Amino acid sequence: MHKLLLLLAVFIPCPFKLWFYRSLFGWKIGNQVKIGLSYIEADNIILEDGAHIGHFNIIRQVKLFQLCKNAYVRNFNQFFGNEYDSYEWTKKLIIGERSLCMSHHFIDVAGTIEIGSDTVIGGRDSHFWSHSLEFEKTSSKLVPKDIFIGNNVYIGARASLFGCYIPDNAIIGMGSVVTKSFNGENDRVLIAGNPATIKKRYSTL
């Protein structure tokens, strides 16, 4: 019944939809929030003032989905958690103030993914992966991997990020595969390639 109500809510006009989510599901929704024709299923929803979700996004099996002030998720994005329910599978996605996620991206929300303020996930078809398969002597198991992206970061189209830390002001080149973390630097850096490395530094002075 819960999922059926969430599915029906997709087609309710926005002003009534916000009332529906607040009153029936207890979502924390600020002022001037807009939600298009998108399916949203999460244990805890926080949409701060001015947050905007476009059309045909799918958000499901997530414990926390938070859009900070004036963050914008455009169209046809998929944010998927998983069916594992132990404490280590945090399944949290937080998108910072004024950050923008363009269209047709996929984010695997198995661990914690935090995206800073004024960051852009640009183009289309980027993938974020927050879990991996770890091998032990006699067995293997799936484990969560967190992703942290700093402030004022630009991520180019078709980039793939896996369990990594991206510092403030970084640029992730188109088609890059980022499998390790990078420390913060005084300069703005271009991270690109497969596997991605720092290709260029831009002075911020």
Protein backbone atom coordinates (compact mmCIF):
# COMPACT_ATOMS: atom_id res chain seq x y z
CA MET A 1 0.00 0.00 0.00
CA HIS A 2 2.83 2.39 0.86
CA LYS A 3 4.48 2.01 -2.54
CA LEU A 4 1.13 2.26 -4.31
CA LEU A 5 0.43 5.60 -2.61
CA LEU A 6 3.89 6.85 -3.60
CA LEU A 7 3.22 5.81 -7.20
CA LEU A 8 -0.13 7.57 -7.24
CA ALA A 9 1.48 10.71 -5.80
CA VAL A 10 3.65 11.00 -8.92
CA PHE A 11 0.64 12.22 -10.90
CA ILE A 12 -0.76 14.68 -8.35
CA PRO A 13 -0.25 18.39 -9.22
CA CYS A 14 2.70 19.83 -7.31
CA PRO A 15 0.92 21.98 -4.65
CA PHE A 16 -1.31 19.06 -3.61
CA LYS A 17 1.62 16.66 -3.89
CA LEU A 18 3.63 18.63 -1.33
CA TRP A 19 0.70 18.61 1.09
CA PHE A 20 0.28 14.87 0.48
CA TYR A 21 3.93 14.11 1.23
CA ARG A 22 4.02 16.33 4.32
CA SER A 23 0.79 15.16 5.91
CA LEU A 24 0.76 11.48 4.99
CA PHE A 25 4.45 10.58 5.01
CA GLY A 26 5.92 13.26 7.28
CA TRP A 27 8.46 14.52 4.74
CA LYS A 28 10.33 17.67 5.70
CA ILE A 29 9.62 20.05 2.83
CA GLY A 30 10.58 23.72 2.85
CA ASN A 31 9.18 26.69 0.98
CA GLN A 32 9.11 27.07 -2.81
CA VAL A 33 9.89 23.39 -3.38
CA LYS A 34 8.91 21.88 -6.74
CA ILE A 35 8.51 18.18 -7.56
CA GLY A 36 7.68 16.98 -11.07
CA LEU A 37 6.54 13.58 -12.29
CA SER A 38 9.10 11.61 -10.28
CA TYR A 39 8.88 8.52 -8.07
CA ILE A 40 10.45 9.08 -4.65
CA GLU A 41 10.78 6.30 -2.08
CA ALA A 42 13.01 6.81 0.96
CA ASP A 43 12.80 6.36 4.72
CA ASN A 44 13.69 10.00 5.38
CA ILE A 45 13.13 12.87 2.93
CA ILE A 46 14.43 16.41 3.48
CA LEU A 47 13.76 18.99 0.76
CA GLU A 48 14.97 22.40 1.86
CA ASP A 49 13.77 25.80 0.61
CA GLY A 50 13.87 26.14 -3.16
CA ALA A 51 14.77 22.50 -3.85
CA HIS A 52 13.59 21.29 -7.24
CA ILE A 53 13.10 17.77 -8.62
CA GLY A 54 12.23 17.54 -12.31
CA HIS A 55 10.41 14.83 -14.26
CA PHE A 56 10.87 11.07 -14.59
CA ASN A 57 13.45 10.63 -11.85
CA ILE A 58 13.38 7.41 -9.81
CA ILE A 59 14.57 7.42 -6.20
CA ARG A 60 14.07 4.13 -4.34
CA GLN A 61 15.31 1.96 -1.46
CA VAL A 62 17.16 4.92 0.07
CA LYS A 63 17.33 5.65 3.81
CA LEU A 64 18.00 9.39 3.47
CA PHE A 65 17.46 11.64 0.46
CA GLN A 66 18.27 15.30 1.15
CA LEU A 67 18.27 18.25 -1.22
CA CYS A 68 19.68 21.36 0.42
CA LYS A 69 18.57 24.92 -0.38
CA ASN A 70 18.05 25.60 -4.10
CA ALA A 71 19.55 22.26 -5.17
CA TYR A 72 18.15 21.04 -8.49
CA VAL A 73 17.77 17.52 -9.87
CA ARG A 74 16.66 17.68 -13.49
CA ASN A 75 15.13 14.77 -15.46
CA PHE A 76 15.51 11.01 -16.01
CA ASN A 77 17.98 10.39 -13.17
CA GLN A 78 18.08 7.15 -11.16
CA PHE A 79 19.10 7.06 -7.50
CA PHE A 80 18.96 3.45 -6.28
CA GLY A 81 19.71 1.92 -2.91
CA ASN A 82 19.54 -1.83 -2.31
CA GLU A 83 17.65 -4.40 -0.27
CA TYR A 84 20.39 -4.88 2.36
CA ASP A 85 19.23 -3.52 5.71
CA SER A 86 22.16 -3.76 8.12
CA TYR A 87 23.65 -0.69 9.80
CA GLU A 88 26.69 -0.57 7.49
CA TRP A 89 24.52 0.04 4.42
CA THR A 90 23.88 3.69 5.17
CA LYS A 91 22.11 4.43 1.85
CA LYS A 92 22.28 8.23 2.21
CA LEU A 93 22.37 10.83 -0.56
CA ILE A 94 22.87 14.50 0.35
CA ILE A 95 23.08 17.14 -2.39
CA GLY A 96 24.38 20.52 -1.22
CA GLU A 97 23.07 24.04 -1.65
CA ARG A 98 22.69 25.31 -5.23
CA SER A 99 24.13 22.12 -6.65
CA LEU A 100 22.80 20.80 -9.94
CA CYS A 101 22.39 17.26 -11.19
CA MET A 102 21.63 17.32 -14.91
CA SER A 103 19.75 14.50 -16.70
CA HIS A 104 20.26 10.78 -17.35
CA HIS A 105 22.70 10.04 -14.51
CA PHE A 106 22.83 6.95 -12.28
CA ILE A 107 23.77 7.06 -8.60
CA ASP A 108 24.12 3.85 -6.61
CA VAL A 109 23.15 4.83 -3.05
CA ALA A 110 24.50 1.88 -1.08
CA GLY A 111 26.86 3.79 1.20
CA THR A 112 26.85 7.53 1.92
CA ILE A 113 27.15 10.00 -0.95
CA GLU A 114 27.64 13.64 -0.01
CA ILE A 115 27.81 16.32 -2.71
CA GLY A 116 28.92 19.79 -1.65
CA SER A 117 27.52 23.20 -2.51
CA ASP A 118 27.63 24.80 -5.98
CA THR A 119 28.65 21.52 -7.60
CA VAL A 120 27.45 20.41 -11.04
CA ILE A 121 27.00 16.87 -12.32
CA GLY A 122 27.03 17.93 -15.94
CA GLY A 123 26.23 16.38 -19.29
CA ARG A 124 24.64 12.94 -19.04
CA ASP A 125 25.34 9.28 -18.32
CA SER A 126 27.68 9.63 -15.32
CA HIS A 127 27.71 6.74 -12.81
CA PHE A 128 28.45 6.89 -9.08
CA TRP A 129 29.11 3.54 -7.38
CA SER A 130 29.08 3.26 -3.58
CA HIS A 131 29.56 -0.47 -3.09
CA SER A 132 32.07 -3.11 -4.13
CA LEU A 133 32.87 -6.80 -3.87
CA GLU A 134 35.65 -7.62 -1.41
CA PHE A 135 37.45 -10.95 -1.47
CA GLU A 136 38.59 -12.81 1.62
CA LYS A 137 40.51 -16.07 1.83
CA THR A 138 37.55 -18.37 1.38
CA SER A 139 34.69 -16.06 0.48
CA SER A 140 33.61 -12.70 -0.89
CA LYS A 141 31.06 -10.14 0.23
CA LEU A 142 29.50 -6.88 -0.89
CA VAL A 143 30.46 -3.84 1.17
CA PRO A 144 29.46 -0.13 0.98
CA LYS A 145 31.92 2.51 -0.17
CA ASP A 146 31.31 6.21 0.56
CA ILE A 147 31.70 9.02 -1.97
CA PHE A 148 32.40 12.61 -0.91
CA ILE A 149 32.44 15.43 -3.46
CA GLY A 150 33.51 18.90 -2.40
CA ASN A 151 32.15 22.37 -3.13
CA ASN A 152 32.29 24.04 -6.53
CA VAL A 153 33.15 20.82 -8.36
CA TYR A 154 32.28 20.16 -12.01
CA ILE A 155 31.80 16.57 -13.17
CA GLY A 156 31.85 16.07 -16.93
CA ALA A 157 29.59 13.74 -18.92
CA ARG A 158 29.99 9.95 -18.73
CA ALA A 159 32.30 10.04 -15.73
CA SER A 160 32.39 7.06 -13.35
CA LEU A 161 33.15 7.58 -9.66
CA PHE A 162 33.76 4.75 -7.22
CA GLY A 163 34.27 5.09 -3.46
CA CYS A 164 36.34 8.28 -3.65
CA TYR A 165 36.91 11.76 -2.24
CA ILE A 166 36.91 14.71 -4.66
CA PRO A 167 38.29 18.00 -3.26
CA ASP A 168 36.75 21.47 -3.57
CA ASN A 169 37.05 23.25 -6.94
CA ALA A 170 38.04 20.10 -8.87
CA ILE A 171 37.04 19.40 -12.46
CA ILE A 172 36.36 15.78 -13.44
CA GLY A 173 36.96 15.31 -17.15
CA MET A 174 34.46 13.71 -19.51
CA GLY A 175 34.60 9.92 -19.50
CA SER A 176 36.96 9.75 -16.54
CA VAL A 177 37.04 6.73 -14.22
CA VAL A 178 37.82 7.86 -10.67
CA THR A 179 38.74 4.97 -8.37
CA LYS A 180 40.86 6.72 -5.73
CA SER A 181 40.66 9.80 -3.50
CA PHE A 182 42.45 13.10 -4.08
CA ASN A 183 43.62 15.52 -1.43
CA GLY A 184 42.58 19.15 -1.35
CA GLU A 185 44.97 21.53 -3.12
CA ASN A 186 45.52 25.28 -3.24
CA ASP A 187 44.91 25.20 -7.00
CA ARG A 188 41.90 24.09 -8.99
CA VAL A 189 42.74 20.70 -10.50
CA LEU A 190 41.65 18.77 -13.58
CA ILE A 191 41.21 15.09 -12.77
CA ALA A 192 40.85 12.95 -15.87
CA GLY A 193 41.68 9.65 -17.53
CA ASN A 194 41.19 5.94 -16.85
CA PRO A 195 42.28 5.52 -14.12
CA ALA A 196 41.92 9.22 -13.34
CA THR A 197 44.91 11.25 -12.25
CA ILE A 198 45.59 14.99 -11.85
CA LYS A 199 46.27 16.23 -15.38
CA LYS A 200 46.45 19.98 -14.80
CA ARG A 201 46.46 22.65 -12.10
CA TYR A 202 44.83 26.07 -12.47
CA SER A 203 46.01 28.83 -10.17
CA THR A 204 43.23 30.26 -8.01
CA LEU A 205 45.29 33.29 -7.00
